[in-house]
Amino acid sequence: MLVFCFFAPQAIQAVPRAAHKTDSELAQALIGTWEFLGHRIGFSKRFLTYNADGTSKAIRLTDERGSPRRAENYGTWRVTHGYLIRKITDTTHDSGSPFTSRAQIELIENGTAKLRYENGDTDELRRIAHLPSLPPLVTSKTWVSKLAAADAKAATLSSPKPVYPLAARKQHWTGAGVFVCHISPDGTVASVDVLRSTGHQVLDQAAITALQHWRFQPGKMEAINIPINFRMNGNRARSRAIAPEGVL
């Protein structure tokens, strides 16, 4: 008697090659300096160093109108269950610290690493022996690059207009200011700084309140300059956010 058995094919799921390594092996393989290969709005190059003592430093370069600058942030790192977890504790340019990034290590071999973040974005890195010559360090907490303003505008998902306060309208107060939005990895606004005041605290606060509700594409930028203009024409009041000036 012949018996024929038929087996339904099962879906085969791709397993990241890094999954076969222990957390200790992944961490050991990450120690050193890496260059990011993907594009990031406002930056020409990005580097990240993972030290054996669990500290890390990220360096980002921009060439703004022929004036090269570099921004840095510092933090700690570890590998847990195949995920690279980095907590940024201080930066040279951003008062929105600390924040934490978490990425699955999909590949790390032959001097190449691939990371996948929780929002679906990916980064590819290659190991380098040493950093290139670096331009001057940015030290202003409110500095942002003016590069790629069109890209910054495209990365803005939601931009509600400020409400013109009634008290300011009654006094016919007007003004234009510039505000720095510090952006969390998930695209929400972590904090807002006044880069240039409108001249009236009530207008500044109205701008800050609106900007706290802006949303951006996750992982695209860390900070952005937003000009806000409050003006009146007779008894008609108008507030508006102008196109983003720059990003970081």
C-alpha atoms as a PDB file:
ATOM      1  CA  MET A   1       0.000   0.000   0.000  1.00  0.00           C
ATOM      2  CA  LEU A   2       1.312   3.377  -0.972  1.00  0.00           C
ATOM      3  CA  VAL A   3       0.664   6.357   1.223  1.00  0.00           C
ATOM      4  CA  PHE A   4       1.005   9.829  -0.249  1.00  0.00           C
ATOM      5  CA  CYS A   5       1.594  12.695   2.177  1.00  0.00           C
ATOM      6  CA  PHE A   6       1.211  16.290   1.155  1.00  0.00           C
ATOM      7  CA  PHE A   7       2.626  19.089   3.298  1.00  0.00           C
ATOM      8  CA  ALA A   8       1.399  22.650   2.919  1.00  0.00           C
ATOM      9  CA  PRO A   9       4.358  24.984   2.441  1.00  0.00           C
ATOM     10  CA  GLN A  10       4.966  27.242   5.430  1.00  0.00           C
ATOM     11  CA  ALA A  11       5.923  30.876   5.151  1.00  0.00           C
ATOM     12  CA  ILE A  12       9.601  31.349   5.736  1.00  0.00           C
ATOM     13  CA  GLN A  13      10.460  34.472   7.709  1.00  0.00           C
ATOM     14  CA  ALA A  14      13.773  36.170   7.208  1.00  0.00           C
ATOM     15  CA  VAL A  15      15.874  36.137  10.345  1.00  0.00           C
ATOM     16  CA  PRO A  16      18.395  38.952  10.719  1.00  0.00           C
ATOM     17  CA  ARG A  17      21.912  37.570  10.507  1.00  0.00           C
ATOM     18  CA  ALA A  18      22.790  39.432  13.709  1.00  0.00           C
ATOM     19  CA  ALA A  19      20.187  37.309  15.554  1.00  0.00           C
ATOM     20  CA  HIS A  20      22.691  34.449  15.703  1.00  0.00           C
ATOM     21  CA  LYS A  21      25.059  36.532  17.812  1.00  0.00           C
ATOM     22  CA  THR A  22      24.802  37.067  21.575  1.00  0.00           C
ATOM     23  CA  ASP A  23      24.341  40.571  23.015  1.00  0.00           C
ATOM     24  CA  SER A  24      27.938  40.446  24.198  1.00  0.00           C
ATOM     25  CA  GLU A  25      29.183  39.556  20.711  1.00  0.00           C
ATOM     26  CA  LEU A  26      27.107  42.318  19.116  1.00  0.00           C
ATOM     27  CA  ALA A  27      28.373  44.883  21.612  1.00  0.00           C
ATOM     28  CA  GLN A  28      31.968  43.840  21.033  1.00  0.00           C
ATOM     29  CA  ALA A  29      31.485  44.125  17.275  1.00  0.00           C
ATOM     30  CA  LEU A  30      30.060  47.644  17.609  1.00  0.00           C
ATOM     31  CA  ILE A  31      32.983  49.111  19.550  1.00  0.00           C
ATOM     32  CA  GLY A  32      34.734  51.650  17.341  1.00  0.00           C
ATOM     33  CA  THR A  33      33.859  54.525  14.997  1.00  0.00           C
ATOM     34  CA  TRP A  34      31.223  54.305  12.273  1.00  0.00           C
ATOM     35  CA  GLU A  35      30.076  56.525   9.413  1.00  0.00           C
ATOM     36  CA  PHE A  36      26.376  56.707   8.493  1.00  0.00           C
ATOM     37  CA  LEU A  37      25.778  56.084   4.803  1.00  0.00           C
ATOM     38  CA  GLY A  38      22.195  57.381   4.585  1.00  0.00           C
ATOM     39  CA  HIS A  39      21.034  60.965   4.019  1.00  0.00           C
ATOM     40  CA  ARG A  40      19.903  63.106   6.928  1.00  0.00           C
ATOM     41  CA  ILE A  41      18.269  66.485   6.348  1.00  0.00           C
ATOM     42  CA  GLY A  42      20.721  69.341   6.890  1.00  0.00           C
ATOM     43  CA  PHE A  43      23.891  67.254   7.227  1.00  0.00           C
ATOM     44  CA  SER A  44      26.639  66.236   4.839  1.00  0.00           C
ATOM     45  CA  LYS A  45      28.176  63.518   7.031  1.00  0.00           C
ATOM     46  CA  ARG A  46      27.415  61.739  10.323  1.00  0.00           C
ATOM     47  CA  PHE A  47      29.649  59.671  12.563  1.00  0.00           C
ATOM     48  CA  LEU A  48      29.091  57.681  15.755  1.00  0.00           C
ATOM     49  CA  THR A  49      31.679  56.242  18.146  1.00  0.00           C
ATOM     50  CA  TYR A  50      30.822  53.437  20.569  1.00  0.00           C
ATOM     51  CA  ASN A  51      33.381  53.170  23.371  1.00  0.00           C
ATOM     52  CA  ALA A  52      34.146  50.016  25.343  1.00  0.00           C
ATOM     53  CA  ASP A  53      33.208  51.761  28.610  1.00  0.00           C
ATOM     54  CA  GLY A  54      29.595  52.213  27.455  1.00  0.00           C
ATOM     55  CA  THR A  55      29.894  55.872  26.442  1.00  0.00           C
ATOM     56  CA  SER A  56      29.291  57.190  22.946  1.00  0.00           C
ATOM     57  CA  LYS A  57      29.642  60.333  20.844  1.00  0.00           C
ATOM     58  CA  ALA A  58      27.848  61.350  17.659  1.00  0.00           C
ATOM     59  CA  ILE A  59      29.304  63.930  15.266  1.00  0.00           C
ATOM     60  CA  ARG A  60      27.351  65.607  12.480  1.00  0.00           C
ATOM     61  CA  LEU A  61      28.844  67.870   9.825  1.00  0.00           C
ATOM     62  CA  THR A  62      27.176  70.590   7.812  1.00  0.00           C
ATOM     63  CA  ASP A  63      28.570  73.019   5.257  1.00  0.00           C
ATOM     64  CA  GLU A  64      26.309  76.035   5.538  1.00  0.00           C
ATOM     65  CA  ARG A  65      27.006  78.450   2.714  1.00  0.00           C
ATOM     66  CA  GLY A  66      30.691  77.583   2.716  1.00  0.00           C
ATOM     67  CA  SER A  67      31.026  77.768   6.510  1.00  0.00           C
ATOM     68  CA  PRO A  68      31.544  74.188   7.769  1.00  0.00           C
ATOM     69  CA  ARG A  69      30.308  73.383  11.281  1.00  0.00           C
ATOM     70  CA  ARG A  70      30.028  70.312  13.432  1.00  0.00           C
ATOM     71  CA  ALA A  71      27.504  69.391  16.110  1.00  0.00           C
ATOM     72  CA  GLU A  72      28.038  66.699  18.727  1.00  0.00           C
ATOM     73  CA  ASN A  73      25.975  64.771  21.229  1.00  0.00           C
ATOM     74  CA  TYR A  74      27.066  62.421  23.973  1.00  0.00           C
ATOM     75  CA  GLY A  75      25.471  59.510  25.737  1.00  0.00           C
ATOM     76  CA  THR A  76      25.553  55.902  26.843  1.00  0.00           C
ATOM     77  CA  TRP A  77      24.873  52.715  24.901  1.00  0.00           C
ATOM     78  CA  ARG A  78      24.191  49.033  25.409  1.00  0.00           C
ATOM     79  CA  VAL A  79      22.895  45.992  23.528  1.00  0.00           C
ATOM     80  CA  THR A  80      19.844  44.234  24.979  1.00  0.00           C
ATOM     81  CA  HIS A  81      18.048  41.307  23.289  1.00  0.00           C
ATOM     82  CA  GLY A  82      19.593  42.224  19.949  1.00  0.00           C
ATOM     83  CA  TYR A  83      18.616  45.912  20.180  1.00  0.00           C
ATOM     84  CA  LEU A  84      21.047  48.801  20.297  1.00  0.00           C
ATOM     85  CA  ILE A  85      19.832  51.272  22.920  1.00  0.00           C
ATOM     86  CA  ARG A  86      21.491  54.692  23.029  1.00  0.00           C
ATOM     87  CA  LYS A  87      20.587  57.392  25.527  1.00  0.00           C
ATOM     88  CA  ILE A  88      21.674  60.914  24.624  1.00  0.00           C
ATOM     89  CA  THR A  89      22.545  62.781  27.815  1.00  0.00           C
ATOM     90  CA  ASP A  90      24.089  66.008  26.516  1.00  0.00           C
ATOM     91  CA  THR A  91      24.596  67.916  23.279  1.00  0.00           C
ATOM     92  CA  THR A  92      26.459  70.965  22.060  1.00  0.00           C
ATOM     93  CA  HIS A  93      23.455  72.324  20.205  1.00  0.00           C
ATOM     94  CA  ASP A  94      20.172  71.046  21.608  1.00  0.00           C
ATOM     95  CA  SER A  95      18.486  71.701  24.958  1.00  0.00           C
ATOM     96  CA  GLY A  96      15.939  68.935  24.293  1.00  0.00           C
ATOM     97  CA  SER A  97      18.115  66.209  25.872  1.00  0.00           C
ATOM     98  CA  PRO A  98      17.926  63.584  27.173  1.00  0.00           C
ATOM     99  CA  PHE A  99      16.214  61.185  24.810  1.00  0.00           C
ATOM    100  CA  THR A 100      16.679  57.525  23.931  1.00  0.00           C
ATOM    101  CA  SER A 101      16.854  55.726  20.577  1.00  0.00           C
ATOM    102  CA  ARG A 102      16.266  51.982  20.161  1.00  0.00           C
ATOM    103  CA  ALA A 103      17.152  50.019  17.032  1.00  0.00           C
ATOM    104  CA  GLN A 104      17.292  46.347  16.111  1.00  0.00           C
ATOM    105  CA  ILE A 105      20.714  45.242  14.894  1.00  0.00           C
ATOM    106  CA  GLU A 106      19.860  43.481  11.639  1.00  0.00           C
ATOM    107  CA  LEU A 107      23.389  42.980  10.388  1.00  0.00           C
ATOM    108  CA  ILE A 108      26.918  43.515  11.604  1.00  0.00           C
ATOM    109  CA  GLU A 109      29.716  41.914   9.620  1.00  0.00           C
ATOM    110  CA  ASN A 110      32.599  42.797   7.313  1.00  0.00           C
ATOM    111  CA  GLY A 111      32.709  46.354   8.622  1.00  0.00           C
ATOM    112  CA  THR A 112      29.041  47.031   7.871  1.00  0.00           C
ATOM    113  CA  ALA A 113      26.100  47.427  10.243  1.00  0.00           C
ATOM    114  CA  LYS A 114      22.386  47.810   9.551  1.00  0.00           C
ATOM    115  CA  LEU A 115      19.947  49.162  12.128  1.00  0.00           C
ATOM    116  CA  ARG A 116      16.146  49.231  12.074  1.00  0.00           C
ATOM    117  CA  TYR A 117      14.356  51.675  14.381  1.00  0.00           C
ATOM    118  CA  GLU A 118      10.987  51.162  16.011  1.00  0.00           C
ATOM    119  CA  ASN A 119       9.330  53.580  13.563  1.00  0.00           C
ATOM    120  CA  GLY A 120      10.523  51.487  10.600  1.00  0.00           C
ATOM    121  CA  ASP A 121      13.377  53.776   9.534  1.00  0.00           C
ATOM    122  CA  THR A 122      16.744  52.189   8.848  1.00  0.00           C
ATOM    123  CA  ASP A 123      20.387  53.236   8.955  1.00  0.00           C
ATOM    124  CA  GLU A 124      23.400  51.649   7.302  1.00  0.00           C
ATOM    125  CA  LEU A 125      26.839  52.274   8.767  1.00  0.00           C
ATOM    126  CA  ARG A 126      30.383  51.377   7.781  1.00  0.00           C
ATOM    127  CA  ARG A 127      33.343  51.094  10.126  1.00  0.00           C
ATOM    128  CA  ILE A 128      36.133  53.657   9.649  1.00  0.00           C
ATOM    129  CA  ALA A 129      39.647  53.650  11.052  1.00  0.00           C
ATOM    130  CA  HIS A 130      39.622  57.309  12.079  1.00  0.00           C
ATOM    131  CA  LEU A 131      37.562  60.489  11.774  1.00  0.00           C
ATOM    132  CA  PRO A 132      38.264  63.004   8.988  1.00  0.00           C
ATOM    133  CA  SER A 133      39.474  66.519   9.695  1.00  0.00           C
ATOM    134  CA  LEU A 134      36.658  68.241  11.600  1.00  0.00           C
ATOM    135  CA  PRO A 135      35.362  71.835  11.295  1.00  0.00           C
ATOM    136  CA  PRO A 136      34.705  74.120  14.317  1.00  0.00           C
ATOM    137  CA  LEU A 137      32.318  72.901  16.998  1.00  0.00           C
ATOM    138  CA  VAL A 138      28.861  74.433  17.398  1.00  0.00           C
ATOM    139  CA  THR A 139      28.376  75.647  20.974  1.00  0.00           C
ATOM    140  CA  SER A 140      25.138  77.655  20.723  1.00  0.00           C
ATOM    141  CA  LYS A 141      22.140  75.826  22.190  1.00  0.00           C
ATOM    142  CA  THR A 142      19.866  77.511  19.645  1.00  0.00           C
ATOM    143  CA  TRP A 143      21.983  77.050  16.504  1.00  0.00           C
ATOM    144  CA  VAL A 144      20.415  75.173  13.624  1.00  0.00           C
ATOM    145  CA  SER A 145      21.627  74.688  10.094  1.00  0.00           C
ATOM    146  CA  LYS A 146      19.889  76.672   7.336  1.00  0.00           C
ATOM    147  CA  LEU A 147      20.481  73.851   4.864  1.00  0.00           C
ATOM    148  CA  ALA A 148      17.663  72.083   3.059  1.00  0.00           C
ATOM    149  CA  ALA A 149      14.751  74.301   4.101  1.00  0.00           C
ATOM    150  CA  ALA A 150      12.634  72.704   1.361  1.00  0.00           C
ATOM    151  CA  ASP A 151      13.354  69.250   2.795  1.00  0.00           C
ATOM    152  CA  ALA A 152      12.490  70.530   6.262  1.00  0.00           C
ATOM    153  CA  LYS A 153       9.151  71.846   5.016  1.00  0.00           C
ATOM    154  CA  ALA A 154       8.416  68.503   3.359  1.00  0.00           C
ATOM    155  CA  ALA A 155       9.130  66.709   6.658  1.00  0.00           C
ATOM    156  CA  THR A 156       6.515  68.795   8.493  1.00  0.00           C
ATOM    157  CA  LEU A 157       3.372  66.680   8.903  1.00  0.00           C
ATOM    158  CA  SER A 158       1.163  68.997  10.970  1.00  0.00           C
ATOM    159  CA  SER A 159       1.586  72.735  11.535  1.00  0.00           C
ATOM    160  CA  PRO A 160      -1.367  74.383  13.317  1.00  0.00           C
ATOM    161  CA  LYS A 161      -1.348  78.177  13.219  1.00  0.00           C
ATOM    162  CA  PRO A 162      -0.910  80.180  16.437  1.00  0.00           C
ATOM    163  CA  VAL A 163      -4.016  81.733  17.965  1.00  0.00           C
ATOM    164  CA  TYR A 164      -3.771  85.529  18.034  1.00  0.00           C
ATOM    165  CA  PRO A 165      -4.433  86.363  21.724  1.00  0.00           C
ATOM    166  CA  LEU A 166      -7.433  88.614  22.320  1.00  0.00           C
ATOM    167  CA  ALA A 167      -5.478  90.792  24.768  1.00  0.00           C
ATOM    168  CA  ALA A 168      -2.819  91.424  22.114  1.00  0.00           C
ATOM    169  CA  ARG A 169      -5.440  92.205  19.476  1.00  0.00           C
ATOM    170  CA  LYS A 170      -7.098  94.758  21.756  1.00  0.00           C
ATOM    171  CA  GLN A 171      -3.736  96.469  22.244  1.00  0.00           C
ATOM    172  CA  HIS A 172      -2.903  96.170  18.534  1.00  0.00           C
ATOM    173  CA  TRP A 173       0.323  94.383  19.430  1.00  0.00           C
ATOM    174  CA  THR A 174       2.183  92.900  16.470  1.00  0.00           C
ATOM    175  CA  GLY A 175       5.551  91.250  16.053  1.00  0.00           C
ATOM    176  CA  ALA A 176       7.650  88.643  14.293  1.00  0.00           C
ATOM    177  CA  GLY A 177       9.850  86.112  16.060  1.00  0.00           C
ATOM    178  CA  VAL A 178      11.851  82.953  15.446  1.00  0.00           C
ATOM    179  CA  PHE A 179      11.436  79.843  17.594  1.00  0.00           C
ATOM    180  CA  VAL A 180      13.471  76.630  17.818  1.00  0.00           C
ATOM    181  CA  CYS A 181      11.504  73.387  18.021  1.00  0.00           C
ATOM    182  CA  HIS A 182      13.471  70.507  19.546  1.00  0.00           C
ATOM    183  CA  ILE A 183      12.080  67.311  18.070  1.00  0.00           C
ATOM    184  CA  SER A 184      11.835  63.887  19.688  1.00  0.00           C
ATOM    185  CA  PRO A 185      12.686  60.726  17.679  1.00  0.00           C
ATOM    186  CA  ASP A 186       8.957  60.033  17.209  1.00  0.00           C
ATOM    187  CA  GLY A 187       8.434  63.410  15.475  1.00  0.00           C
ATOM    188  CA  THR A 188       6.696  65.203  18.354  1.00  0.00           C
ATOM    189  CA  VAL A 189       8.000  68.488  19.739  1.00  0.00           C
ATOM    190  CA  ALA A 190       9.899  67.977  22.994  1.00  0.00           C
ATOM    191  CA  SER A 191      10.457  71.671  23.764  1.00  0.00           C
ATOM    192  CA  VAL A 192      10.453  75.130  22.185  1.00  0.00           C
ATOM    193  CA  ASP A 193      13.020  77.915  22.691  1.00  0.00           C
ATOM    194  CA  VAL A 194      12.709  81.580  21.742  1.00  0.00           C
ATOM    195  CA  LEU A 195      15.512  82.415  19.314  1.00  0.00           C
ATOM    196  CA  ARG A 196      14.180  85.904  18.572  1.00  0.00           C
ATOM    197  CA  SER A 197      11.238  87.335  20.507  1.00  0.00           C
ATOM    198  CA  THR A 198       8.213  88.937  18.879  1.00  0.00           C
ATOM    199  CA  GLY A 199       8.630  91.740  21.400  1.00  0.00           C
ATOM    200  CA  HIS A 200       5.601  90.711  23.460  1.00  0.00           C
ATOM    201  CA  GLN A 201       5.559  87.842  25.938  1.00  0.00           C
ATOM    202  CA  VAL A 202       1.914  87.045  25.234  1.00  0.00           C
ATOM    203  CA  LEU A 203       2.672  86.608  21.508  1.00  0.00           C
ATOM    204  CA  ASP A 204       5.740  84.502  22.258  1.00  0.00           C
ATOM    205  CA  GLN A 205       3.647  82.227  24.453  1.00  0.00           C
ATOM    206  CA  ALA A 206       0.959  81.902  21.774  1.00  0.00           C
ATOM    207  CA  ALA A 207       3.621  80.846  19.275  1.00  0.00           C
ATOM    208  CA  ILE A 208       5.134  78.317  21.695  1.00  0.00           C
ATOM    209  CA  THR A 209       1.712  76.827  22.463  1.00  0.00           C
ATOM    210  CA  ALA A 210       1.019  76.274  18.757  1.00  0.00           C
ATOM    211  CA  LEU A 211       4.471  74.877  17.993  1.00  0.00           C
ATOM    212  CA  GLN A 212       4.169  72.326  20.791  1.00  0.00           C
ATOM    213  CA  HIS A 213       1.436  70.693  18.682  1.00  0.00           C
ATOM    214  CA  TRP A 214       3.463  70.506  15.454  1.00  0.00           C
ATOM    215  CA  ARG A 215       4.403  67.064  14.150  1.00  0.00           C
ATOM    216  CA  PHE A 216       7.283  65.978  11.924  1.00  0.00           C
ATOM    217  CA  GLN A 217       8.361  62.816  10.152  1.00  0.00           C
ATOM    218  CA  PRO A 218      10.048  60.605  12.777  1.00  0.00           C
ATOM    219  CA  GLY A 219      13.808  60.476  12.773  1.00  0.00           C
ATOM    220  CA  LYS A 220      14.347  63.178  10.137  1.00  0.00           C
ATOM    221  CA  MET A 221      15.713  66.028  12.292  1.00  0.00           C
ATOM    222  CA  GLU A 222      16.425  67.036  15.857  1.00  0.00           C
ATOM    223  CA  ALA A 223      15.629  70.753  15.747  1.00  0.00           C
ATOM    224  CA  ILE A 224      14.180  73.322  13.374  1.00  0.00           C
ATOM    225  CA  ASN A 225      13.832  77.124  13.240  1.00  0.00           C
ATOM    226  CA  ILE A 226      10.248  78.327  12.741  1.00  0.00           C
ATOM    227  CA  PRO A 227       9.539  82.045  12.079  1.00  0.00           C
ATOM    228  CA  ILE A 228       6.170  83.220  13.427  1.00  0.00           C
ATOM    229  CA  ASN A 229       4.521  86.491  12.379  1.00  0.00           C
ATOM    230  CA  PHE A 230       1.650  88.274  14.167  1.00  0.00           C
ATOM    231  CA  ARG A 231       0.275  91.253  12.267  1.00  0.00           C
ATOM    232  CA  MET A 232      -2.845  93.384  12.030  1.00  0.00           C
ATOM    233  CA  ASN A 233      -4.520  95.246   9.178  1.00  0.00           C
ATOM    234  CA  GLY A 234      -6.984  97.646  10.750  1.00  0.00           C
ATOM    235  CA  ASN A 235      -9.143  95.453  12.978  1.00  0.00           C
ATOM    236  CA  ARG A 236      -8.156  92.272  11.150  1.00  0.00           C
ATOM    237  CA  ALA A 237      -5.577  90.146  12.973  1.00  0.00           C
ATOM    238  CA  ARG A 238      -3.467  87.430  11.395  1.00  0.00           C
ATOM    239  CA  SER A 239      -0.907  84.983  12.720  1.00  0.00           C
ATOM    240  CA  ARG A 240       1.084  82.609  10.588  1.00  0.00           C
ATOM    241  CA  ALA A 241       4.120  80.388  10.591  1.00  0.00           C
ATOM    242  CA  ILE A 242       6.520  81.101   7.744  1.00  0.00           C
ATOM    243  CA  ALA A 243       8.447  78.328   5.955  1.00  0.00           C
ATOM    244  CA  PRO A 244      11.034  76.675   8.208  1.00  0.00           C
ATOM    245  CA  GLU A 245      14.390  78.476   8.165  1.00  0.00           C
ATOM    246  CA  GLY A 246      16.684  75.601   8.968  1.00  0.00           C
ATOM    247  CA  VAL A 247      17.151  72.245  10.584  1.00  0.00           C
ATOM    248  CA  LEU A 248      19.485  70.267  12.792  1.00  0.00           C
END
